[in-house]
Amino acid sequence: MVLTPLEVRKQEFKKGMSGYNVQEVRNFLTLVAEELENQARQNAALNERIKELDAKIEDYRRMEKLLQDTLTTTQQATDQLRENAKKEAETIVEQAKLDGDRILKLTRDDESRLRQELTVLEGQKMSLISEMKGTLETYLKMLDQLEKGAK
């Protein structure tokens, strides 16, 4: 049974033959009522403080959730950036290998073409030398004949 200060103040007692001193009972009931009022005020203040603290706890929980979400999002973004950078690096390395292979093939093709041209030029040189020798031999024979004919 919950008593209110008002109920304590209005409580009436039957009078007996040699009952309690009415004034003392009234004074005590007043004191009890005042104490109940004080307790009710303190209880209300404590309940208000509890509400404030509950609100703060809820705010902190929301902030914690937000921080957790932010950390999770940041971690995911970091992981994604790292993965993208790794893929890009792999692509760059692969492209560099392909470019290197292409340049090496071009260089080998150029070397082969230059060797062929050199072989052709050496053949032309030999042919030219042979032709010049033949021409010179013909001129020498003609000179020899001219010289024999002039004697």
N, C-alpha and C. Protein backbone atom coordinates (compact mmCIF):
# COMPACT_ATOMS: atom_id res chain seq x y z
N MET A 1 0.84 -1.17 0.00
CA MET A 1 0.00 0.00 0.00
C MET A 1 0.89 1.24 0.00
N VAL A 2 0.67 2.13 -0.96
CA VAL A 2 1.45 3.35 -1.09
C VAL A 2 0.69 4.47 -0.42
N LEU A 3 1.37 5.15 0.50
CA LEU A 3 0.75 6.28 1.20
C LEU A 3 1.24 7.58 0.60
N THR A 4 0.33 8.50 0.47
CA THR A 4 0.71 9.83 0.00
C THR A 4 0.80 10.74 1.22
N PRO A 5 1.54 11.83 1.11
CA PRO A 5 1.61 12.76 2.24
C PRO A 5 0.22 13.26 2.66
N LEU A 6 -0.66 13.46 1.71
CA LEU A 6 -2.01 13.94 2.02
C LEU A 6 -2.79 12.92 2.84
N GLU A 7 -2.65 11.65 2.49
CA GLU A 7 -3.34 10.59 3.25
C GLU A 7 -2.83 10.53 4.68
N VAL A 8 -1.51 10.72 4.86
CA VAL A 8 -0.95 10.72 6.21
C VAL A 8 -1.50 11.89 7.01
N ARG A 9 -1.59 13.07 6.39
CA ARG A 9 -2.09 14.27 7.08
C ARG A 9 -3.56 14.11 7.48
N LYS A 10 -4.35 13.45 6.69
CA LYS A 10 -5.79 13.35 6.96
C LYS A 10 -6.15 12.10 7.76
N GLN A 11 -5.18 11.29 8.10
CA GLN A 11 -5.48 10.05 8.83
C GLN A 11 -6.09 10.39 10.20
N GLU A 12 -7.16 9.75 10.49
CA GLU A 12 -7.86 9.92 11.77
C GLU A 12 -7.73 8.64 12.57
N PHE A 13 -7.60 8.77 13.88
CA PHE A 13 -7.51 7.61 14.76
C PHE A 13 -8.66 7.66 15.76
N LYS A 14 -9.16 6.50 16.12
CA LYS A 14 -10.21 6.45 17.15
C LYS A 14 -9.60 6.75 18.50
N LYS A 15 -10.38 7.39 19.30
CA LYS A 15 -9.91 7.73 20.64
C LYS A 15 -10.37 6.65 21.60
N GLY A 16 -9.42 6.24 22.37
CA GLY A 16 -9.74 5.24 23.37
C GLY A 16 -9.72 5.87 24.74
N MET A 17 -9.83 5.06 25.71
CA MET A 17 -9.91 5.56 27.08
C MET A 17 -8.66 6.30 27.50
N SER A 18 -7.63 5.67 27.39
CA SER A 18 -6.41 6.40 27.73
C SER A 18 -5.52 6.38 26.50
N GLY A 19 -6.01 6.86 25.44
CA GLY A 19 -5.35 6.82 24.14
C GLY A 19 -4.13 7.72 24.08
N TYR A 20 -3.65 7.85 22.88
CA TYR A 20 -2.45 8.64 22.62
C TYR A 20 -2.75 10.12 22.76
N ASN A 21 -1.70 10.88 23.01
CA ASN A 21 -1.82 12.33 23.07
C ASN A 21 -2.07 12.79 21.64
N VAL A 22 -3.18 13.41 21.41
CA VAL A 22 -3.62 13.82 20.08
C VAL A 22 -2.61 14.76 19.43
N GLN A 23 -2.10 15.70 20.18
CA GLN A 23 -1.14 16.66 19.62
C GLN A 23 0.15 15.96 19.19
N GLU A 24 0.63 15.00 19.98
CA GLU A 24 1.84 14.28 19.61
C GLU A 24 1.61 13.46 18.34
N VAL A 25 0.44 12.82 18.24
CA VAL A 25 0.13 12.04 17.04
C VAL A 25 0.08 12.97 15.84
N ARG A 26 -0.58 14.15 15.99
CA ARG A 26 -0.67 15.10 14.89
C ARG A 26 0.73 15.59 14.49
N ASN A 27 1.56 15.89 15.46
CA ASN A 27 2.93 16.34 15.17
C ASN A 27 3.72 15.25 14.43
N PHE A 28 3.56 14.01 14.91
CA PHE A 28 4.26 12.91 14.26
C PHE A 28 3.76 12.71 12.83
N LEU A 29 2.45 12.75 12.65
CA LEU A 29 1.89 12.58 11.31
C LEU A 29 2.35 13.70 10.38
N THR A 30 2.47 14.91 10.90
CA THR A 30 2.97 16.03 10.10
C THR A 30 4.42 15.77 9.70
N LEU A 31 5.20 15.31 10.65
CA LEU A 31 6.60 15.00 10.38
C LEU A 31 6.73 13.90 9.32
N VAL A 32 5.90 12.84 9.47
CA VAL A 32 5.92 11.74 8.50
C VAL A 32 5.49 12.25 7.12
N ALA A 33 4.47 13.09 7.07
CA ALA A 33 3.98 13.63 5.80
C ALA A 33 5.06 14.47 5.13
N GLU A 34 5.76 15.30 5.93
CA GLU A 34 6.84 16.12 5.37
C GLU A 34 7.96 15.24 4.82
N GLU A 35 8.28 14.18 5.58
CA GLU A 35 9.32 13.26 5.12
C GLU A 35 8.91 12.56 3.83
N LEU A 36 7.63 12.18 3.76
CA LEU A 36 7.12 11.56 2.53
C LEU A 36 7.20 12.54 1.36
N GLU A 37 6.87 13.81 1.63
CA GLU A 37 6.98 14.82 0.58
C GLU A 37 8.43 14.98 0.12
N ASN A 38 9.36 15.02 1.09
CA ASN A 38 10.78 15.12 0.75
C ASN A 38 11.22 13.91 -0.08
N GLN A 39 10.80 12.73 0.36
CA GLN A 39 11.15 11.50 -0.37
C GLN A 39 10.55 11.52 -1.78
N ALA A 40 9.32 12.01 -1.88
CA ALA A 40 8.67 12.08 -3.20
C ALA A 40 9.41 13.05 -4.11
N ARG A 41 9.83 14.22 -3.57
CA ARG A 41 10.60 15.19 -4.35
C ARG A 41 11.95 14.59 -4.78
N GLN A 42 12.62 13.94 -3.84
CA GLN A 42 13.90 13.32 -4.16
C GLN A 42 13.71 12.22 -5.22
N ASN A 43 12.65 11.46 -5.03
CA ASN A 43 12.34 10.38 -5.98
C ASN A 43 12.08 10.97 -7.37
N ALA A 44 11.30 12.06 -7.42
CA ALA A 44 11.01 12.71 -8.70
C ALA A 44 12.30 13.26 -9.32
N ALA A 45 13.16 13.88 -8.47
CA ALA A 45 14.43 14.42 -8.97
C ALA A 45 15.32 13.29 -9.49
N LEU A 46 15.35 12.20 -8.73
CA LEU A 46 16.15 11.05 -9.18
C LEU A 46 15.60 10.45 -10.47
N ASN A 47 14.28 10.37 -10.56
CA ASN A 47 13.68 9.86 -11.79
C ASN A 47 14.01 10.77 -12.97
N GLU A 48 13.98 12.07 -12.75
CA GLU A 48 14.34 13.02 -13.80
C GLU A 48 15.80 12.85 -14.21
N ARG A 49 16.66 12.67 -13.20
CA ARG A 49 18.09 12.45 -13.47
C ARG A 49 18.28 11.14 -14.25
N ILE A 50 17.53 10.13 -13.89
CA ILE A 50 17.61 8.85 -14.60
C ILE A 50 17.20 9.04 -16.06
N LYS A 51 16.13 9.81 -16.29
CA LYS A 51 15.71 10.08 -17.66
C LYS A 51 16.81 10.79 -18.44
N GLU A 52 17.45 11.80 -17.79
CA GLU A 52 18.53 12.53 -18.45
C GLU A 52 19.69 11.60 -18.78
N LEU A 53 20.05 10.76 -17.81
CA LEU A 53 21.16 9.83 -18.03
C LEU A 53 20.81 8.80 -19.10
N ASP A 54 19.55 8.33 -19.09
CA ASP A 54 19.11 7.39 -20.14
C ASP A 54 19.20 8.05 -21.51
N ALA A 55 18.82 9.33 -21.58
CA ALA A 55 18.91 10.05 -22.85
C ALA A 55 20.37 10.18 -23.29
N LYS A 56 21.25 10.49 -22.32
CA LYS A 56 22.68 10.58 -22.66
C LYS A 56 23.22 9.24 -23.11
N ILE A 57 22.82 8.18 -22.41
CA ILE A 57 23.26 6.83 -22.80
C ILE A 57 22.79 6.52 -24.21
N GLU A 58 21.56 6.87 -24.51
CA GLU A 58 21.03 6.63 -25.86
C GLU A 58 21.81 7.44 -26.89
N ASP A 59 22.15 8.69 -26.54
CA ASP A 59 22.97 9.51 -27.44
C ASP A 59 24.34 8.86 -27.66
N TYR A 60 24.94 8.40 -26.57
CA TYR A 60 26.24 7.74 -26.69
C TYR A 60 26.13 6.46 -27.52
N ARG A 61 25.06 5.74 -27.37
CA ARG A 61 24.87 4.52 -28.17
C ARG A 61 24.73 4.88 -29.65
N ARG A 62 23.98 5.96 -29.93
CA ARG A 62 23.86 6.39 -31.32
C ARG A 62 25.22 6.81 -31.88
N MET A 63 25.98 7.56 -31.06
CA MET A 63 27.32 7.98 -31.51
C MET A 63 28.21 6.76 -31.71
N GLU A 64 28.13 5.80 -30.80
CA GLU A 64 28.93 4.59 -30.95
C GLU A 64 28.56 3.85 -32.23
N LYS A 65 27.27 3.74 -32.49
CA LYS A 65 26.80 3.07 -33.72
C LYS A 65 27.32 3.82 -34.94
N LEU A 66 27.21 5.15 -34.89
CA LEU A 66 27.69 5.97 -36.00
C LEU A 66 29.19 5.78 -36.21
N LEU A 67 29.95 5.77 -35.11
CA LEU A 67 31.39 5.55 -35.21
C LEU A 67 31.70 4.16 -35.76
N GLN A 68 30.96 3.16 -35.28
CA GLN A 68 31.15 1.80 -35.78
C GLN A 68 30.86 1.74 -37.28
N ASP A 69 29.74 2.36 -37.67
CA ASP A 69 29.38 2.37 -39.10
C ASP A 69 30.45 3.10 -39.91
N THR A 70 30.93 4.23 -39.37
CA THR A 70 31.96 5.00 -40.06
C THR A 70 33.24 4.19 -40.18
N LEU A 71 33.62 3.53 -39.10
CA LEU A 71 34.82 2.68 -39.15
C LEU A 71 34.66 1.56 -40.16
N THR A 72 33.49 0.94 -40.16
CA THR A 72 33.23 -0.15 -41.10
C THR A 72 33.30 0.37 -42.54
N THR A 73 32.65 1.50 -42.78
CA THR A 73 32.66 2.09 -44.12
C THR A 73 34.08 2.47 -44.53
N THR A 74 34.81 3.08 -43.61
CA THR A 74 36.19 3.47 -43.88
C THR A 74 37.05 2.24 -44.18
N GLN A 75 36.88 1.19 -43.40
CA GLN A 75 37.64 -0.04 -43.62
C GLN A 75 37.30 -0.63 -44.98
N GLN A 76 36.01 -0.63 -45.33
CA GLN A 76 35.61 -1.16 -46.63
C GLN A 76 36.20 -0.32 -47.76
N ALA A 77 36.15 1.00 -47.59
CA ALA A 77 36.71 1.89 -48.62
C ALA A 77 38.22 1.68 -48.74
N THR A 78 38.89 1.53 -47.61
CA THR A 78 40.33 1.29 -47.62
C THR A 78 40.64 -0.03 -48.31
N ASP A 79 39.89 -1.06 -47.97
CA ASP A 79 40.08 -2.36 -48.61
C ASP A 79 39.85 -2.26 -50.12
N GLN A 80 38.81 -1.54 -50.51
CA GLN A 80 38.50 -1.38 -51.93
C GLN A 80 39.61 -0.61 -52.64
N LEU A 81 40.09 0.46 -52.01
CA LEU A 81 41.19 1.23 -52.60
C LEU A 81 42.44 0.36 -52.74
N ARG A 82 42.73 -0.41 -51.70
CA ARG A 82 43.90 -1.29 -51.74
C ARG A 82 43.76 -2.31 -52.87
N GLU A 83 42.57 -2.89 -52.99
CA GLU A 83 42.32 -3.88 -54.04
C GLU A 83 42.44 -3.24 -55.42
N ASN A 84 41.86 -2.04 -55.57
CA ASN A 84 41.95 -1.34 -56.85
C ASN A 84 43.40 -1.00 -57.20
N ALA A 85 44.16 -0.55 -56.21
CA ALA A 85 45.56 -0.22 -56.44
C ALA A 85 46.34 -1.47 -56.84
N LYS A 86 46.04 -2.58 -56.18
CA LYS A 86 46.73 -3.84 -56.51
C LYS A 86 46.40 -4.26 -57.94
N LYS A 87 45.11 -4.16 -58.30
CA LYS A 87 44.71 -4.52 -59.67
C LYS A 87 45.37 -3.60 -60.69
N GLU A 88 45.40 -2.31 -60.37
CA GLU A 88 46.01 -1.35 -61.29
C GLU A 88 47.51 -1.63 -61.44
N ALA A 89 48.16 -1.95 -60.33
CA ALA A 89 49.59 -2.28 -60.39
C ALA A 89 49.81 -3.53 -61.24
N GLU A 90 48.96 -4.53 -61.05
CA GLU A 90 49.08 -5.76 -61.84
C GLU A 90 48.86 -5.45 -63.33
N THR A 91 47.89 -4.58 -63.61
CA THR A 91 47.63 -4.20 -65.01
C THR A 91 48.83 -3.47 -65.59
N ILE A 92 49.42 -2.56 -64.83
CA ILE A 92 50.58 -1.80 -65.30
C ILE A 92 51.75 -2.75 -65.56
N VAL A 93 51.98 -3.68 -64.64
CA VAL A 93 53.08 -4.64 -64.82
C VAL A 93 52.83 -5.50 -66.05
N GLU A 94 51.60 -5.97 -66.20
CA GLU A 94 51.25 -6.81 -67.36
C GLU A 94 51.43 -6.02 -68.65
N GLN A 95 50.97 -4.77 -68.66
CA GLN A 95 51.13 -3.93 -69.84
C GLN A 95 52.61 -3.68 -70.14
N ALA A 96 53.41 -3.48 -69.08
CA ALA A 96 54.85 -3.26 -69.27
C ALA A 96 55.49 -4.52 -69.87
N LYS A 97 55.06 -5.69 -69.41
CA LYS A 97 55.59 -6.93 -69.98
C LYS A 97 55.21 -7.04 -71.46
N LEU A 98 53.94 -6.74 -71.77
CA LEU A 98 53.50 -6.79 -73.16
C LEU A 98 54.27 -5.80 -74.02
N ASP A 99 54.44 -4.57 -73.49
CA ASP A 99 55.21 -3.57 -74.23
C ASP A 99 56.65 -4.02 -74.43
N GLY A 100 57.25 -4.58 -73.37
CA GLY A 100 58.62 -5.08 -73.47
C GLY A 100 58.73 -6.18 -74.51
N ASP A 101 57.76 -7.12 -74.49
CA ASP A 101 57.77 -8.20 -75.49
C ASP A 101 57.62 -7.64 -76.90
N ARG A 102 56.72 -6.66 -77.05
CA ARG A 102 56.50 -6.04 -78.37
C ARG A 102 57.76 -5.34 -78.84
N ILE A 103 58.38 -4.58 -77.95
CA ILE A 103 59.61 -3.86 -78.33
C ILE A 103 60.71 -4.85 -78.66
N LEU A 104 60.83 -5.93 -77.89
CA LEU A 104 61.84 -6.95 -78.16
C LEU A 104 61.59 -7.60 -79.52
N LYS A 105 60.33 -7.89 -79.83
CA LYS A 105 60.00 -8.49 -81.13
C LYS A 105 60.35 -7.52 -82.25
N LEU A 106 59.99 -6.23 -82.08
CA LEU A 106 60.32 -5.23 -83.10
C LEU A 106 61.84 -5.13 -83.28
N THR A 107 62.55 -5.17 -82.17
CA THR A 107 64.01 -5.07 -82.25
C THR A 107 64.58 -6.28 -82.98
N ARG A 108 64.08 -7.46 -82.66
CA ARG A 108 64.53 -8.67 -83.34
C ARG A 108 64.17 -8.63 -84.83
N ASP A 109 62.95 -8.15 -85.11
CA ASP A 109 62.54 -8.03 -86.52
C ASP A 109 63.47 -7.05 -87.25
N ASP A 110 63.77 -5.92 -86.60
CA ASP A 110 64.69 -4.94 -87.20
C ASP A 110 66.07 -5.56 -87.40
N GLU A 111 66.54 -6.30 -86.43
CA GLU A 111 67.85 -6.95 -86.53
C GLU A 111 67.85 -7.93 -87.71
N SER A 112 66.79 -8.72 -87.81
CA SER A 112 66.69 -9.69 -88.90
C SER A 112 66.67 -8.97 -90.25
N ARG A 113 65.87 -7.91 -90.36
CA ARG A 113 65.79 -7.13 -91.60
C ARG A 113 67.14 -6.52 -91.95
N LEU A 114 67.81 -5.97 -90.93
CA LEU A 114 69.13 -5.36 -91.17
C LEU A 114 70.15 -6.41 -91.59
N ARG A 115 70.09 -7.60 -91.01
CA ARG A 115 71.00 -8.68 -91.41
C ARG A 115 70.75 -9.08 -92.87
N GLN A 116 69.46 -9.15 -93.23
CA GLN A 116 69.12 -9.48 -94.62
C GLN A 116 69.64 -8.40 -95.56
N GLU A 117 69.42 -7.13 -95.17
CA GLU A 117 69.91 -6.03 -96.00
C GLU A 117 71.44 -6.09 -96.11
N LEU A 118 72.10 -6.42 -95.00
CA LEU A 118 73.56 -6.53 -95.00
C LEU A 118 74.01 -7.65 -95.95
N THR A 119 73.31 -8.77 -95.90
CA THR A 119 73.63 -9.89 -96.79
C THR A 119 73.44 -9.46 -98.24
N VAL A 120 72.33 -8.77 -98.52
CA VAL A 120 72.08 -8.29 -99.89
C VAL A 120 73.18 -7.31 -100.30
N LEU A 121 73.53 -6.39 -99.39
CA LEU A 121 74.56 -5.40 -99.71
C LEU A 121 75.92 -6.07 -99.92
N GLU A 122 76.22 -7.08 -99.09
CA GLU A 122 77.48 -7.79 -99.28
C GLU A 122 77.49 -8.52 -100.64
N GLY A 123 76.32 -9.10 -100.98
CA GLY A 123 76.20 -9.74 -102.30
C GLY A 123 76.39 -8.72 -103.41
N GLN A 124 75.76 -7.55 -103.26
CA GLN A 124 75.91 -6.49 -104.27
C GLN A 124 77.36 -6.02 -104.34
N LYS A 125 78.01 -5.93 -103.19
CA LYS A 125 79.42 -5.51 -103.13
C LYS A 125 80.28 -6.52 -103.90
N MET A 126 80.06 -7.80 -103.59
CA MET A 126 80.83 -8.84 -104.26
C MET A 126 80.57 -8.82 -105.77
N SER A 127 79.30 -8.63 -106.13
CA SER A 127 78.94 -8.57 -107.55
C SER A 127 79.61 -7.38 -108.21
N LEU A 128 79.59 -6.23 -107.51
CA LEU A 128 80.20 -5.01 -108.04
C LEU A 128 81.71 -5.20 -108.19
N ILE A 129 82.33 -5.83 -107.19
CA ILE A 129 83.77 -6.08 -107.24
C ILE A 129 84.09 -6.99 -108.44
N SER A 130 83.28 -8.04 -108.57
CA SER A 130 83.51 -8.97 -109.69
C SER A 130 83.33 -8.25 -111.01
N GLU A 131 82.30 -7.44 -111.10
CA GLU A 131 82.02 -6.69 -112.32
C GLU A 131 83.15 -5.73 -112.64
N MET A 132 83.63 -5.03 -111.57
CA MET A 132 84.73 -4.07 -111.77
C MET A 132 86.00 -4.81 -112.18
N LYS A 133 86.25 -5.99 -111.55
CA LYS A 133 87.43 -6.77 -111.92
C LYS A 133 87.34 -7.18 -113.39
N GLY A 134 86.12 -7.63 -113.74
CA GLY A 134 85.93 -8.04 -115.15
C GLY A 134 86.16 -6.87 -116.08
N THR A 135 85.62 -5.71 -115.73
CA THR A 135 85.78 -4.52 -116.56
C THR A 135 87.25 -4.14 -116.62
N LEU A 136 87.92 -4.15 -115.46
CA LEU A 136 89.34 -3.79 -115.41
C LEU A 136 90.18 -4.78 -116.23
N GLU A 137 89.85 -6.05 -116.13
CA GLU A 137 90.58 -7.06 -116.89
C GLU A 137 90.38 -6.83 -118.40
N THR A 138 89.14 -6.48 -118.75
CA THR A 138 88.86 -6.20 -120.16
C THR A 138 89.68 -5.01 -120.61
N TYR A 139 89.73 -3.93 -119.79
CA TYR A 139 90.51 -2.74 -120.14
C TYR A 139 92.01 -3.07 -120.20
N LEU A 140 92.44 -3.96 -119.27
CA LEU A 140 93.85 -4.33 -119.27
C LEU A 140 94.20 -5.10 -120.55
N LYS A 141 93.31 -5.98 -120.93
CA LYS A 141 93.53 -6.75 -122.17
C LYS A 141 93.56 -5.79 -123.36
N MET A 142 92.67 -4.83 -123.35
CA MET A 142 92.63 -3.86 -124.44
C MET A 142 93.91 -3.02 -124.45
N LEU A 143 94.38 -2.65 -123.26
CA LEU A 143 95.64 -1.89 -123.18
C LEU A 143 96.81 -2.74 -123.68
N ASP A 144 96.81 -4.01 -123.26
CA ASP A 144 97.87 -4.92 -123.71
C ASP A 144 97.85 -5.01 -125.25
N GLN A 145 96.72 -5.12 -125.82
CA GLN A 145 96.60 -5.24 -127.28
C GLN A 145 97.01 -3.91 -127.94
N LEU A 146 96.61 -2.84 -127.33
CA LEU A 146 97.01 -1.55 -127.88
C LEU A 146 98.54 -1.40 -127.80
N GLU A 147 99.06 -1.84 -126.71
CA GLU A 147 100.49 -1.73 -126.51
C GLU A 147 101.22 -2.64 -127.51
N LYS A 148 100.76 -3.81 -127.76
CA LYS A 148 101.37 -4.75 -128.71
C LYS A 148 101.19 -4.22 -130.13
N GLY A 149 100.12 -3.61 -130.38
CA GLY A 149 99.84 -3.08 -131.70
C GLY A 149 100.64 -1.82 -131.95
N ALA A 150 101.05 -1.11 -130.95
CA ALA A 150 101.79 0.11 -131.11
C ALA A 150 103.29 -0.23 -131.26
N LYS A 151 103.71 -1.37 -131.07
CA LYS A 151 105.12 -1.73 -131.17
C LYS A 151 105.39 -2.19 -132.51
